[in-house]
Amino acid sequence: MGGICIRNISKSFDEVVALKEINLEIDDGEFLVLLGPSGCGKTTMLRCIAGLEYPSSGEIYLGDQCMFSEPRGINIPPKDRHIGFVFQSYALYPHMSVYRNVAFKLGIQHAPASEIRREVAEALKLVDLEGFEARSPRQLSGGQRQRVALARAIVSHPRTLLFDEPLSNLDAPLRASTRSQLKAMHLRTGATSLYVTHDQSEAMLLADRIAVMAKGEILQVGTGQYIYSYPETVTVAELTGELRTNLIAGEVHPAQERTLLIPAVDPYFFIRLPDECRRFERRSVVLNVRPEDLQLLSPPSPDEGQAKILTIMPRGTDYLAHLRFGEHSEQIVATGAAADFQGLSPGQAVGVRFRRGNLYDASNGQLVCSFGHD
């Protein structure tokens, strides 16, 4: 089938730069997720690959075939790129039955009727919609409509599948079940898949690898686990926190046999850092710690900073706590099991220990040190 190769792709809409010299390699049969906030260029990237938008510069390859090259004047029409595209809005024809919606692309390719019947039946079986052929889209639930859109995308056996936030219109239970079907479909078809979402948990569940985007640029590419543990920039750390991540700006100070981070907003809330961070003495940094990597101590240790608990809330099988340090509005978030919060209550002062974290240079937001990781 072949993967996807994007070389120096840029795209501007008048004065707005949507993509800035994007380079990305997606392996044959890989499921890669583009993760980023609204307006970062994710959908524009998909549309450029599909041929629905013309890049301002660069080249796009599907397998070993060049689909677009600005310097060589190549631009293969969308219908000839052998791509399946699943849109956020389903984009089903309301006046057509499920069968006709799925069969539409094969029909315009003038496939024989027997082949169309066989391929439509196979595609509907793959998305668990056997027996729905005669129904119209208005007779289907949101999840069923999205599965019709999936069947339509795979019916012609495309070598590349593009997904533009296809589950964002579904409620949580439907999203979970459709996500599972989508991943199973990818594994069965073996198509190279590029999936767009702003949902970090969805990206982690689906992706072989994740490409984190912001402001038209790809900031980091890697497995979900690696990016979550070792975000290369402060921006990536922010974009890959399921709830929110803790970011504390301050300065590193040695104190006798300890290394401390003194937050810029509160010099009395000092954070103990491992000795490996001592080399950043007097340097302005940003500390990133995930909520599950905070340990709350009661009573607080006299040689560590203290924070005040604002709220403790149950969250399914675990708990979520918001804390404030000093008299400032700066807050940090901690999560843990019920045992971790036993005996704690709002208004109480606790010690805070950071078991794992990442340190960034405050001047450029780049990762300079990680600690506590296996």
Protein backbone atom coordinates (compact mmCIF):
# COMPACT_ATOMS: atom_id res chain seq x y z
CA MET A 1 0.00 0.00 0.00
CA GLY A 2 2.63 2.53 1.01
CA GLY A 3 2.82 5.21 3.64
CA ILE A 4 2.50 8.98 3.53
CA CYS A 5 5.46 11.34 3.06
CA ILE A 6 4.97 15.08 3.56
CA ARG A 7 7.90 17.31 2.65
CA ASN A 8 8.10 21.00 3.53
CA ILE A 9 4.37 21.57 3.11
CA SER A 10 3.17 25.11 3.78
CA LYS A 11 -0.29 26.56 3.31
CA SER A 12 -1.51 30.14 3.63
CA PHE A 13 -4.98 31.65 3.36
CA ASP A 14 -4.30 35.26 2.38
CA GLU A 15 -2.30 36.59 5.36
CA VAL A 16 -3.05 33.61 7.63
CA VAL A 17 -0.38 30.90 7.69
CA ALA A 18 -2.11 27.56 8.36
CA LEU A 19 0.87 25.21 7.86
CA LYS A 20 4.57 26.05 8.25
CA GLU A 21 6.99 23.77 6.39
CA ILE A 22 5.51 20.52 7.69
CA ASN A 23 7.63 17.38 7.38
CA LEU A 24 6.07 14.07 8.37
CA GLU A 25 6.62 10.39 7.54
CA ILE A 26 3.81 7.90 8.20
CA ASP A 27 4.74 4.24 7.77
CA ASP A 28 2.81 1.81 5.62
CA GLY A 29 -0.16 0.51 7.65
CA GLU A 30 0.49 2.87 10.57
CA PHE A 31 -2.25 4.63 12.53
CA LEU A 32 -0.94 8.14 13.25
CA VAL A 33 -2.96 10.73 15.15
CA LEU A 34 -2.60 14.49 14.67
CA LEU A 35 -3.29 16.02 18.08
CA GLY A 36 -3.74 19.72 18.64
CA PRO A 37 -6.15 22.53 19.50
CA SER A 38 -8.75 23.96 17.13
CA GLY A 39 -7.19 26.16 14.46
CA CYS A 40 -3.72 24.59 14.61
CA GLY A 41 -3.84 23.30 11.01
CA LYS A 42 -4.85 19.65 11.51
CA THR A 43 -7.81 19.66 9.10
CA THR A 44 -5.90 21.75 6.57
CA MET A 45 -3.22 19.06 6.58
CA LEU A 46 -5.79 16.35 5.83
CA ARG A 47 -7.36 18.38 3.06
CA CYS A 48 -3.98 18.98 1.44
CA ILE A 49 -3.24 15.24 1.47
CA ALA A 50 -6.67 14.49 -0.01
CA GLY A 51 -6.26 17.14 -2.72
CA LEU A 52 -9.13 19.28 -1.42
CA GLU A 53 -6.69 22.13 -0.71
CA TYR A 54 -3.62 23.16 -2.68
CA PRO A 55 -0.50 23.69 -0.55
CA SER A 56 1.47 26.87 -1.12
CA SER A 57 4.71 24.88 -1.31
CA GLY A 58 6.18 21.43 -0.72
CA GLU A 59 5.49 17.87 -1.85
CA ILE A 60 3.12 15.03 -0.85
CA TYR A 61 3.73 11.35 -1.60
CA LEU A 62 1.34 8.45 -1.11
CA GLY A 63 3.46 5.35 -1.31
CA ASP A 64 6.02 5.98 -4.03
CA GLN A 65 3.70 8.20 -6.09
CA CYS A 66 3.94 11.98 -5.93
CA MET A 67 0.46 13.45 -5.47
CA PHE A 68 1.51 17.06 -5.19
CA SER A 69 4.71 18.94 -5.96
CA GLU A 70 4.73 22.71 -6.13
CA PRO A 71 8.23 22.92 -7.70
CA ARG A 72 7.41 20.28 -10.35
CA GLY A 73 3.84 21.41 -11.00
CA ILE A 74 2.25 18.06 -10.04
CA ASN A 75 -1.28 17.98 -8.58
CA ILE A 76 -3.16 14.69 -8.86
CA PRO A 77 -6.98 15.14 -8.63
CA PRO A 78 -8.65 13.88 -5.41
CA LYS A 79 -10.53 11.11 -7.24
CA ASP A 80 -7.24 9.60 -8.39
CA ARG A 81 -5.47 9.62 -5.01
CA HIS A 82 -7.16 6.40 -3.79
CA ILE A 83 -8.05 7.93 -0.42
CA GLY A 84 -10.94 7.28 1.95
CA PHE A 85 -12.01 10.41 3.85
CA VAL A 86 -14.26 10.30 6.93
CA PHE A 87 -15.65 13.73 7.75
CA GLN A 88 -16.69 15.12 11.12
CA SER A 89 -20.22 15.80 9.86
CA TYR A 90 -20.75 12.30 8.32
CA ALA A 91 -21.51 13.97 4.91
CA LEU A 92 -24.08 11.32 3.96
CA TYR A 93 -26.55 11.88 1.14
CA PRO A 94 -29.91 12.24 2.97
CA HIS A 95 -32.00 11.17 -0.04
CA MET A 96 -30.04 7.93 -0.50
CA SER A 97 -30.33 4.65 1.37
CA VAL A 98 -27.45 3.25 3.39
CA TYR A 99 -26.68 0.91 0.49
CA ARG A 100 -26.57 3.70 -2.07
CA ASN A 101 -24.45 5.93 0.18
CA VAL A 102 -21.85 3.21 0.60
CA ALA A 103 -22.00 2.17 -3.06
CA PHE A 104 -21.77 5.71 -4.45
CA LYS A 105 -18.01 5.80 -5.04
CA LEU A 106 -17.97 2.39 -6.69
CA GLY A 107 -20.82 3.52 -8.91
CA ILE A 108 -18.96 6.55 -10.26
CA GLN A 109 -15.98 4.25 -10.87
CA HIS A 110 -18.31 2.13 -13.08
CA ALA A 111 -17.66 -1.04 -11.10
CA PRO A 112 -19.80 -4.05 -12.13
CA ALA A 113 -23.06 -4.44 -10.19
CA SER A 114 -21.99 -7.80 -8.77
CA GLU A 115 -18.76 -6.28 -7.46
CA ILE A 116 -20.65 -3.36 -5.92
CA ARG A 117 -23.04 -5.71 -4.09
CA ARG A 118 -20.14 -7.81 -2.80
CA GLU A 119 -18.03 -4.88 -1.64
CA VAL A 120 -20.92 -3.01 0.00
CA ALA A 121 -21.96 -6.15 1.88
CA GLU A 122 -18.39 -6.67 3.09
CA ALA A 123 -18.00 -3.03 4.16
CA LEU A 124 -21.29 -3.02 6.10
CA LYS A 125 -20.35 -6.30 7.76
CA LEU A 126 -17.06 -4.77 8.85
CA VAL A 127 -18.87 -1.94 10.66
CA ASP A 128 -21.68 -4.14 12.04
CA LEU A 129 -24.47 -2.66 9.89
CA GLU A 130 -25.71 -5.77 8.11
CA GLY A 131 -29.46 -5.49 7.56
CA PHE A 132 -29.44 -1.67 7.44
CA GLU A 133 -29.07 -1.42 3.65
CA ALA A 134 -32.58 -0.07 2.96
CA ARG A 135 -32.66 2.54 5.72
CA SER A 136 -32.15 6.25 5.12
CA PRO A 137 -29.69 8.33 7.18
CA ARG A 138 -32.54 10.01 9.10
CA GLN A 139 -33.57 6.58 10.43
CA LEU A 140 -30.14 6.03 12.01
CA SER A 141 -28.54 7.12 15.26
CA GLY A 142 -25.45 9.30 15.24
CA GLY A 143 -23.21 6.32 15.84
CA GLN A 144 -24.83 4.37 13.00
CA ARG A 145 -24.44 7.31 10.61
CA GLN A 146 -20.77 7.53 11.44
CA ARG A 147 -20.38 3.82 10.78
CA VAL A 148 -22.04 4.29 7.38
CA ALA A 149 -19.46 7.00 6.69
CA LEU A 150 -16.71 4.55 7.70
CA ALA A 151 -18.13 1.87 5.40
CA ARG A 152 -18.28 4.35 2.51
CA ALA A 153 -14.63 5.28 3.14
CA ILE A 154 -13.34 1.69 3.03
CA VAL A 155 -15.60 0.15 0.39
CA SER A 156 -13.14 0.80 -2.46
CA HIS A 157 -10.17 -0.52 -0.44
CA PRO A 158 -8.23 2.75 -0.33
CA ARG A 159 -4.56 2.57 0.56
CA THR A 160 -4.93 5.68 2.73
CA LEU A 161 -7.66 6.60 5.24
CA LEU A 162 -8.09 10.14 6.58
CA PHE A 163 -10.28 10.89 9.61
CA ASP A 164 -11.30 14.45 10.50
CA GLU A 165 -12.50 14.28 14.15
CA PRO A 166 -15.10 11.66 13.18
CA LEU A 167 -16.29 10.97 16.74
CA SER A 168 -16.63 14.51 18.08
CA ASN A 169 -20.40 14.64 17.45
CA LEU A 170 -21.10 11.46 19.43
CA ASP A 171 -21.88 11.15 23.13
CA ALA A 172 -19.39 9.41 25.40
CA PRO A 173 -20.73 5.80 25.27
CA LEU A 174 -21.16 5.92 21.48
CA ARG A 175 -17.74 7.49 21.08
CA ALA A 176 -16.14 4.66 23.05
CA SER A 177 -17.85 1.88 21.10
CA THR A 178 -17.30 3.51 17.68
CA ARG A 179 -13.65 4.15 18.57
CA SER A 180 -13.20 0.45 19.21
CA GLN A 181 -14.82 -0.45 15.89
CA LEU A 182 -12.70 2.10 14.07
CA LYS A 183 -9.47 0.68 15.46
CA ALA A 184 -10.57 -2.87 14.63
CA MET A 185 -11.41 -1.75 11.10
CA HIS A 186 -7.96 -0.24 10.69
CA LEU A 187 -6.31 -3.46 11.78
CA ARG A 188 -8.41 -5.51 9.35
CA THR A 189 -7.90 -3.26 6.33
CA GLY A 190 -4.22 -2.51 6.92
CA ALA A 191 -4.65 0.95 5.39
CA THR A 192 -2.30 3.76 6.35
CA SER A 193 -4.45 5.97 8.58
CA LEU A 194 -4.15 9.61 9.60
CA TYR A 195 -6.60 10.69 12.29
CA VAL A 196 -7.26 14.24 13.54
CA THR A 197 -8.44 15.02 17.07
CA HIS A 198 -8.11 17.56 19.87
CA ASP A 199 -8.93 14.85 22.45
CA GLN A 200 -5.73 13.68 24.16
CA SER A 201 -7.27 10.50 25.64
CA GLU A 202 -8.65 9.53 22.22
CA ALA A 203 -5.22 10.04 20.67
CA MET A 204 -3.57 7.86 23.32
CA LEU A 205 -6.08 5.04 22.80
CA LEU A 206 -5.97 4.94 19.01
CA ALA A 207 -2.51 5.93 17.88
CA ASP A 208 0.55 3.90 16.99
CA ARG A 209 2.24 7.30 17.10
CA ILE A 210 1.07 10.84 17.81
CA ALA A 211 2.12 14.06 16.08
CA VAL A 212 1.43 17.07 18.32
CA MET A 213 0.55 20.25 16.40
CA ALA A 214 0.26 23.89 17.39
CA LYS A 215 0.06 27.06 15.29
CA GLY A 216 0.67 25.26 12.01
CA GLU A 217 3.75 23.35 13.17
CA ILE A 218 4.46 19.80 14.30
CA LEU A 219 6.16 20.04 17.68
CA GLN A 220 6.83 16.38 18.51
CA VAL A 221 6.20 12.93 17.05
CA GLY A 222 6.35 9.71 19.06
CA THR A 223 4.36 7.08 20.88
CA GLY A 224 1.67 8.38 23.20
CA GLN A 225 3.43 7.02 26.28
CA TYR A 226 6.74 8.66 25.38
CA ILE A 227 5.24 12.05 24.56
CA TYR A 228 3.21 12.05 27.77
CA SER A 229 6.27 11.22 29.86
CA TYR A 230 8.82 13.33 27.98
CA PRO A 231 7.14 16.28 26.25
CA GLU A 232 9.90 18.18 24.47
CA THR A 233 8.42 21.63 25.04
CA VAL A 234 6.15 23.39 27.50
CA THR A 235 3.49 23.62 24.77
CA VAL A 236 3.54 19.85 24.20
CA ALA A 237 3.25 19.31 27.96
CA GLU A 238 0.15 21.53 28.03
CA LEU A 239 -1.47 19.84 25.03
CA THR A 240 -0.97 16.30 26.35
CA GLY A 241 -2.44 16.67 29.83
CA GLU A 242 -5.76 14.83 30.12
CA LEU A 243 -7.12 17.19 32.80
CA ARG A 244 -4.47 19.85 32.92
CA THR A 245 -0.82 19.59 33.70
CA ASN A 246 1.08 21.42 36.43
CA LEU A 247 3.45 24.11 35.16
CA ILE A 248 5.37 26.15 37.71
CA ALA A 249 7.81 28.87 36.65
CA GLY A 250 10.68 29.67 38.96
CA GLU A 251 14.40 29.63 39.59
CA VAL A 252 16.68 26.80 40.70
CA HIS A 253 18.58 27.44 43.95
CA PRO A 254 21.00 25.23 45.89
CA ALA A 255 20.37 25.18 49.65
CA GLN A 256 22.93 23.32 51.73
CA GLU A 257 22.51 19.71 50.63
CA ARG A 258 19.26 20.32 48.75
CA THR A 259 18.27 21.69 45.35
CA LEU A 260 15.14 23.85 45.35
CA LEU A 261 12.85 25.44 42.82
CA ILE A 262 11.63 28.82 44.08
CA PRO A 263 8.39 29.70 42.24
CA ALA A 264 8.27 33.16 40.72
CA VAL A 265 4.87 33.88 42.30
CA ASP A 266 5.68 32.69 45.81
CA PRO A 267 9.24 32.55 47.23
CA TYR A 268 7.96 30.71 50.33
CA PHE A 269 6.64 27.70 48.43
CA PHE A 270 9.91 25.97 47.67
CA ILE A 271 9.95 22.70 45.76
CA ARG A 272 12.62 20.12 46.35
CA LEU A 273 14.30 18.90 43.17
CA PRO A 274 16.66 15.94 42.73
CA ASP A 275 20.38 16.60 42.81
CA GLU A 276 20.64 16.13 39.04
CA CYS A 277 18.87 19.50 38.66
CA ARG A 278 21.55 21.35 40.64
CA ARG A 279 23.47 22.11 37.44
CA PHE A 280 20.72 24.58 36.52
CA GLU A 281 21.57 26.79 39.51
CA ARG A 282 20.20 30.36 39.23
CA ARG A 283 18.52 29.45 35.96
CA SER A 284 14.91 30.40 35.18
CA VAL A 285 12.97 27.26 34.43
CA VAL A 286 9.45 25.84 34.12
CA LEU A 287 8.64 22.66 36.03
CA ASN A 288 6.06 20.29 34.54
CA VAL A 289 4.57 17.60 36.79
CA ARG A 290 1.57 15.43 35.89
CA PRO A 291 -1.25 15.36 38.50
CA GLU A 292 -0.69 11.68 39.27
CA ASP A 293 2.96 12.39 40.12
CA LEU A 294 2.15 14.67 43.07
CA GLN A 295 2.27 13.23 46.58
CA LEU A 296 0.43 15.09 49.37
CA LEU A 297 1.95 14.89 52.86
CA SER A 298 0.10 15.45 56.12
CA PRO A 299 1.40 16.88 58.28
CA PRO A 300 3.67 18.85 55.94
CA SER A 301 7.39 18.43 56.37
CA PRO A 302 9.05 21.52 57.92
CA ASP A 303 11.76 21.60 55.26
CA GLU A 304 9.39 21.63 52.28
CA GLY A 305 6.87 24.11 50.92
CA GLN A 306 3.21 23.91 51.85
CA ALA A 307 0.01 24.22 49.85
CA LYS A 308 -3.62 24.64 50.90
CA ILE A 309 -6.27 22.22 49.65
CA LEU A 310 -9.09 24.06 47.86
CA THR A 311 -11.24 21.11 46.79
CA ILE A 312 -11.21 17.31 46.78
CA MET A 313 -13.61 15.68 44.33
CA PRO A 314 -14.32 12.02 43.54
CA ARG A 315 -13.68 11.08 39.92
CA GLY A 316 -14.86 7.53 39.40
CA THR A 317 -12.37 5.24 41.10
CA ASP A 318 -9.92 8.02 41.98
CA TYR A 319 -9.92 11.54 43.40
CA LEU A 320 -8.98 14.98 42.11
CA ALA A 321 -7.65 17.76 44.32
CA HIS A 322 -7.00 21.42 43.56
CA LEU A 323 -4.41 23.13 45.75
CA ARG A 324 -3.17 26.70 46.08
CA PHE A 325 0.24 27.73 47.31
CA GLY A 326 0.89 30.99 49.16
CA GLU A 327 -1.65 33.78 48.97
CA HIS A 328 -1.66 33.76 45.19
CA SER A 329 -4.15 32.34 42.73
CA GLU A 330 -1.59 29.85 41.40
CA GLN A 331 -3.08 26.37 41.56
CA ILE A 332 -1.77 22.85 41.18
CA VAL A 333 -3.73 19.66 40.58
CA ALA A 334 -3.22 16.21 42.10
CA THR A 335 -4.95 12.90 41.41
CA GLY A 336 -4.78 9.61 43.28
CA ALA A 337 -6.60 6.72 44.88
CA ALA A 338 -8.89 7.16 47.89
CA ALA A 339 -6.06 6.05 50.20
CA ASP A 340 -3.88 8.92 48.96
CA PHE A 341 -6.46 11.47 50.18
CA GLN A 342 -7.56 9.75 53.37
CA GLY A 343 -7.76 12.23 56.25
CA LEU A 344 -7.39 15.27 53.97
CA SER A 345 -10.02 18.00 53.64
CA PRO A 346 -10.47 21.44 52.02
CA GLY A 347 -8.66 24.24 53.84
CA GLN A 348 -5.98 21.92 55.16
CA ALA A 349 -2.28 22.70 54.69
CA VAL A 350 -0.27 19.84 53.19
CA GLY A 351 3.22 19.23 51.96
CA VAL A 352 3.65 18.58 48.25
CA ARG A 353 6.26 16.24 46.86
CA PHE A 354 6.98 15.89 43.15
CA ARG A 355 7.89 12.30 42.32
CA ARG A 356 8.47 12.70 38.58
CA GLY A 357 8.73 15.71 36.34
CA ASN A 358 10.34 17.61 33.48
CA LEU A 359 12.29 20.85 33.60
CA TYR A 360 12.25 23.39 30.75
CA ASP A 361 14.37 26.42 29.98
CA ALA A 362 12.08 29.39 30.60
CA SER A 363 13.61 31.38 27.73
CA ASN A 364 12.64 28.96 24.95
CA GLY A 365 10.38 26.33 26.55
CA GLN A 366 12.71 23.47 25.58
CA LEU A 367 13.20 20.36 27.74
CA VAL A 368 16.50 20.39 29.64
CA CYS A 369 16.04 17.69 32.29
CA SER A 370 13.70 14.87 33.34
CA PHE A 371 13.69 13.24 36.75
CA GLY A 372 12.03 10.34 38.52
CA HIS A 373 11.20 8.45 35.32
CA ASP A 374 11.98 4.76 34.97
